Amino acid sequence: MLSRLLLVALVVAHPLQVSAQQEEFGSIQKPTVLRWWHGAIAVGGLSALMLLDGPSQRFFQDRRSSGADDWARGIRRVGQPEVWGTVTLGMVAGGLLSGDANLTRAGGRLAATLALAGATSTLAKLALGRPRPNASLDADGYAPFSGQDAMPSGHTTIAFALATALADDIHRPWATVGLYALASGVGWSRINDNRHWLSDVAGGAIVGITSAKLVNGHWRLFGLRPPSVLLGPSHAGLAWRVEF
């Protein structure tokens, strides 16, 4: 409950700093174009971090306590539907009901961000087939399409996607710090609960941040442009196109 209240407070404490759709992406003068070597750096970093999976798992489990479990139970809700679903639907519905097109567009982008992050995380889980630490202590026991689903952490993916999308729209340092602190807390909770390895959490953060940056136009991959949020009198929709 505390994590939910903190997140809602961050969203409503300051109006979203969003301009009209056409002006919005025009203001991003030079979006970062992702190259193959960006991916290579991310994969290399995750591979190096995997060396710490075993030691970090033992470190956190040796120091696990009922108090830590209580904190983890609360903070991990940021990565669950009762929080991200409430925030997303609230932004879209609030924008439509109040006639605030900027808020509706921000909600639409958030919905697209979460959909992209969730789909990417799910596909990666299926393809990698990594065991969770509470099921096997073999962090390298990958078995693609086996049903094992540790990598990446879904809760962490969604939490960082939500934090990045909101932080980029609110565009205030205090909000950015608060949102990323909540997302980092979600990642910690998954390690504390022995549900994920350290590199699972890092992988989730990468997927979540990248999804948000692609949707809001700060980053560009291949010819995929950021989506346009189409507004009608009482509805909203998304249009996405690829440039060749």
Protein backbone atom coordinates (compact mmCIF):
# COMPACT_ATOMS: atom_id res chain seq x y z
CA MET A 1 0.00 0.00 0.00
CA LEU A 2 2.83 2.44 0.86
CA SER A 3 4.53 1.89 -2.50
CA ARG A 4 1.25 2.49 -4.31
CA LEU A 5 0.62 5.74 -2.44
CA LEU A 6 4.17 6.96 -3.11
CA LEU A 7 3.85 6.27 -6.82
CA VAL A 8 0.48 7.97 -7.12
CA ALA A 9 1.84 10.96 -5.20
CA LEU A 10 4.75 11.29 -7.61
CA VAL A 11 2.36 11.30 -10.57
CA VAL A 12 -0.17 13.79 -9.24
CA ALA A 13 2.13 16.11 -7.29
CA HIS A 14 3.19 17.89 -10.46
CA PRO A 15 1.40 18.12 -13.82
CA LEU A 16 3.04 16.12 -16.60
CA GLN A 17 5.30 18.28 -18.72
CA VAL A 18 4.00 17.17 -22.10
CA SER A 19 3.41 19.25 -25.21
CA ALA A 20 1.19 18.56 -28.19
CA GLN A 21 1.93 15.36 -30.11
CA GLN A 22 3.53 16.97 -33.14
CA GLU A 23 5.64 19.36 -31.08
CA GLU A 24 6.59 16.69 -28.59
CA PHE A 25 8.68 14.50 -30.85
CA GLY A 26 9.92 17.47 -32.78
CA SER A 27 11.51 18.69 -29.54
CA ILE A 28 13.68 15.58 -29.46
CA GLN A 29 16.33 17.05 -31.72
CA LYS A 30 18.65 14.08 -32.00
CA PRO A 31 17.26 10.82 -30.63
CA THR A 32 19.91 8.26 -29.80
CA VAL A 33 19.97 5.64 -32.56
CA LEU A 34 20.69 2.24 -31.05
CA ARG A 35 23.48 0.36 -32.82
CA TRP A 36 24.63 -3.23 -32.61
CA TRP A 37 27.42 -2.29 -30.25
CA HIS A 38 24.94 -0.87 -27.76
CA GLY A 39 23.43 -4.33 -27.56
CA ALA A 40 26.88 -5.90 -27.34
CA ILE A 41 27.75 -3.68 -24.37
CA ALA A 42 24.50 -4.61 -22.62
CA VAL A 43 25.02 -8.33 -23.21
CA GLY A 44 28.66 -8.09 -22.14
CA GLY A 45 27.72 -6.25 -18.97
CA LEU A 46 25.05 -8.80 -18.10
CA SER A 47 27.47 -11.64 -18.78
CA ALA A 48 30.02 -10.11 -16.41
CA LEU A 49 27.33 -9.52 -13.79
CA MET A 50 26.40 -13.20 -13.91
CA LEU A 51 29.67 -13.92 -12.12
CA LEU A 52 28.08 -12.31 -9.08
CA ASP A 53 24.79 -14.20 -9.26
CA GLY A 54 25.83 -16.98 -6.87
CA PRO A 55 27.64 -14.79 -4.31
CA SER A 56 24.85 -12.18 -4.28
CA GLN A 57 22.18 -14.85 -3.86
CA ARG A 58 23.97 -16.26 -0.84
CA PHE A 59 24.65 -12.79 0.57
CA PHE A 60 21.00 -11.70 0.50
CA GLN A 61 19.59 -15.03 1.66
CA ASP A 62 22.02 -15.20 4.60
CA ARG A 63 20.78 -11.77 5.73
CA ARG A 64 17.10 -12.26 4.94
CA SER A 65 14.70 -11.36 7.74
CA SER A 66 10.98 -11.02 8.38
CA GLY A 67 11.37 -7.24 8.25
CA ALA A 68 13.03 -7.43 4.84
CA ASP A 69 10.27 -9.74 3.63
CA ASP A 70 7.64 -7.24 4.76
CA TRP A 71 9.37 -4.43 2.86
CA ALA A 72 9.73 -6.64 -0.20
CA ARG A 73 6.05 -7.60 -0.08
CA GLY A 74 5.08 -3.93 -0.22
CA ILE A 75 7.57 -2.57 -2.74
CA ARG A 76 7.17 -5.34 -5.31
CA ARG A 77 3.58 -4.19 -5.89
CA VAL A 78 4.97 -1.40 -8.07
CA GLY A 79 5.68 -4.12 -10.63
CA GLN A 80 2.22 -5.65 -10.34
CA PRO A 81 -1.08 -4.80 -12.15
CA GLU A 82 -2.76 -3.20 -9.14
CA VAL A 83 -0.23 -0.35 -9.35
CA TRP A 84 0.83 0.02 -12.98
CA GLY A 85 -2.68 -0.77 -14.22
CA THR A 86 -4.24 1.78 -11.87
CA VAL A 87 -1.76 4.48 -12.88
CA THR A 88 -2.13 3.83 -16.61
CA LEU A 89 -5.93 3.62 -16.64
CA GLY A 90 -6.14 6.61 -14.31
CA MET A 91 -4.06 8.76 -16.64
CA VAL A 92 -6.00 7.81 -19.76
CA ALA A 93 -9.41 8.05 -18.11
CA GLY A 94 -8.51 11.26 -16.30
CA GLY A 95 -7.31 12.84 -19.53
CA LEU A 96 -10.42 11.81 -21.47
CA LEU A 97 -12.85 12.91 -18.76
CA SER A 98 -11.11 16.24 -18.16
CA GLY A 99 -10.36 16.93 -21.82
CA ASP A 100 -6.63 17.10 -21.07
CA ALA A 101 -5.07 15.80 -24.29
CA ASN A 102 -1.55 15.91 -22.87
CA LEU A 103 -2.46 13.65 -19.97
CA THR A 104 -4.28 11.25 -22.30
CA ARG A 105 -1.28 11.07 -24.62
CA ALA A 106 1.04 10.43 -21.70
CA GLY A 107 -1.24 7.62 -20.54
CA GLY A 108 -1.33 6.17 -24.04
CA ARG A 109 2.46 6.19 -24.28
CA LEU A 110 2.67 4.55 -20.87
CA ALA A 111 0.29 1.81 -22.02
CA ALA A 112 2.41 1.23 -25.14
CA THR A 113 5.58 1.18 -23.03
CA LEU A 114 4.21 -1.43 -20.65
CA ALA A 115 2.90 -3.56 -23.52
CA LEU A 116 6.29 -3.51 -25.29
CA ALA A 117 8.21 -4.19 -22.07
CA GLY A 118 5.88 -7.02 -21.05
CA ALA A 119 5.97 -8.69 -24.47
CA THR A 120 9.77 -8.44 -24.70
CA SER A 121 10.21 -9.82 -21.19
CA THR A 122 7.85 -12.73 -21.84
CA LEU A 123 9.56 -13.71 -25.09
CA ALA A 124 13.00 -13.51 -23.47
CA LYS A 125 11.86 -15.69 -20.57
CA LEU A 126 10.58 -18.34 -22.99
CA ALA A 127 13.66 -18.24 -25.22
CA LEU A 128 16.26 -18.31 -22.43
CA GLY A 129 14.62 -20.76 -20.02
CA ARG A 130 16.72 -19.85 -17.00
CA PRO A 131 15.88 -21.49 -13.65
CA ARG A 132 14.91 -19.38 -10.66
CA PRO A 133 17.23 -19.54 -7.62
CA ASN A 134 14.44 -20.96 -5.43
CA ALA A 135 14.12 -23.88 -7.86
CA SER A 136 17.77 -24.54 -8.72
CA LEU A 137 21.09 -23.15 -7.55
CA ASP A 138 22.51 -23.71 -11.04
CA ALA A 139 22.46 -20.16 -12.36
CA ASP A 140 23.74 -21.40 -15.71
CA GLY A 141 21.10 -24.09 -16.16
CA TYR A 142 19.52 -22.56 -19.25
CA ALA A 143 16.97 -24.74 -21.05
CA PRO A 144 15.22 -22.75 -23.81
CA PHE A 145 11.43 -23.17 -23.99
CA SER A 146 11.47 -25.41 -20.92
CA GLY A 147 9.09 -23.26 -18.89
CA GLN A 148 11.85 -21.93 -16.66
CA ASP A 149 11.38 -18.17 -16.59
CA ALA A 150 13.90 -16.33 -14.44
CA MET A 151 15.59 -14.09 -17.05
CA PRO A 152 14.66 -11.26 -17.12
CA SER A 153 12.68 -10.32 -14.02
CA GLY A 154 9.18 -9.38 -15.13
CA HIS A 155 8.41 -7.29 -12.04
CA THR A 156 11.65 -5.33 -12.50
CA THR A 157 11.01 -4.87 -16.22
CA ILE A 158 7.60 -3.34 -15.63
CA ALA A 159 8.78 -1.24 -12.67
CA PHE A 160 11.60 0.36 -14.68
CA ALA A 161 9.38 0.83 -17.73
CA LEU A 162 6.85 2.63 -15.54
CA ALA A 163 9.50 4.70 -13.77
CA THR A 164 11.23 5.76 -17.00
CA ALA A 165 8.01 6.65 -18.81
CA LEU A 166 6.72 8.77 -15.93
CA ALA A 167 10.09 10.36 -15.16
CA ASP A 168 10.59 11.43 -18.78
CA ASP A 169 7.12 13.01 -18.88
CA ILE A 170 7.22 14.68 -15.46
CA HIS A 171 10.79 15.83 -16.15
CA ARG A 172 11.64 16.85 -12.59
CA PRO A 173 14.77 15.62 -10.73
CA TRP A 174 12.89 14.79 -7.53
CA ALA A 175 10.36 12.70 -9.46
CA THR A 176 13.11 10.90 -11.38
CA VAL A 177 14.95 10.03 -8.18
CA GLY A 178 11.78 8.86 -6.45
CA LEU A 179 10.54 6.77 -9.36
CA TYR A 180 13.86 5.05 -9.98
CA ALA A 181 14.22 4.42 -6.25
CA LEU A 182 10.87 2.60 -6.28
CA ALA A 183 11.89 0.59 -9.36
CA SER A 184 15.22 -0.32 -7.77
CA GLY A 185 13.32 -1.41 -4.68
CA VAL A 186 11.28 -3.79 -6.82
CA GLY A 187 14.49 -5.29 -8.17
CA TRP A 188 15.86 -5.72 -4.66
CA SER A 189 12.62 -7.40 -3.54
CA ARG A 190 12.94 -10.07 -6.21
CA ILE A 191 16.46 -10.93 -5.04
CA ASN A 192 15.39 -10.85 -1.40
CA ASP A 193 12.49 -13.19 -2.14
CA ASN A 194 14.93 -15.58 -3.87
CA ARG A 195 12.86 -15.36 -7.04
CA HIS A 196 15.57 -13.92 -9.28
CA TRP A 197 19.31 -13.71 -9.74
CA LEU A 198 21.08 -10.34 -9.72
CA SER A 199 21.55 -10.44 -13.51
CA ASP A 200 17.82 -11.19 -13.99
CA VAL A 201 17.05 -7.92 -12.25
CA ALA A 202 19.64 -6.01 -14.28
CA GLY A 203 18.26 -7.51 -17.48
CA GLY A 204 14.74 -6.46 -16.49
CA ALA A 205 15.92 -2.90 -15.85
CA ILE A 206 17.53 -2.76 -19.30
CA VAL A 207 14.38 -4.04 -21.03
CA GLY A 208 12.12 -1.67 -19.10
CA ILE A 209 14.22 1.46 -19.66
CA THR A 210 14.78 0.66 -23.33
CA SER A 211 11.06 0.09 -23.92
CA ALA A 212 10.16 3.46 -22.43
CA LYS A 213 12.89 5.31 -24.33
CA LEU A 214 11.80 3.77 -27.64
CA VAL A 215 8.15 4.65 -27.08
CA ASN A 216 8.81 8.24 -26.02
CA GLY A 217 11.20 8.82 -28.92
CA HIS A 218 14.41 9.43 -26.97
CA TRP A 219 15.94 6.32 -28.48
CA ARG A 220 15.46 4.92 -31.98
CA LEU A 221 15.86 1.30 -33.10
CA PHE A 222 16.02 0.38 -36.80
CA GLY A 223 13.33 2.47 -38.51
CA LEU A 224 10.82 2.29 -35.68
CA ARG A 225 9.45 5.72 -34.85
CA PRO A 226 7.74 6.52 -31.54
CA PRO A 227 3.98 5.80 -31.56
CA SER A 228 1.43 8.52 -32.13
CA VAL A 229 -1.47 8.74 -29.70
CA LEU A 230 -4.67 9.37 -31.68
CA LEU A 231 -7.42 11.13 -29.78
CA GLY A 232 -11.15 11.28 -30.50
CA PRO A 233 -14.01 12.92 -28.59
CA SER A 234 -14.17 10.06 -26.07
CA HIS A 235 -11.48 7.58 -27.06
CA ALA A 236 -7.76 7.17 -27.62
CA GLY A 237 -5.69 4.92 -29.85
CA LEU A 238 -2.11 4.24 -30.89
CA ALA A 239 -0.48 4.26 -34.34
CA TRP A 240 3.03 2.96 -34.87
CA ARG A 241 4.99 3.00 -38.11
CA VAL A 242 8.37 1.90 -39.39
CA GLU A 243 10.53 3.96 -41.74
CA PHE A 244 12.73 2.24 -44.33
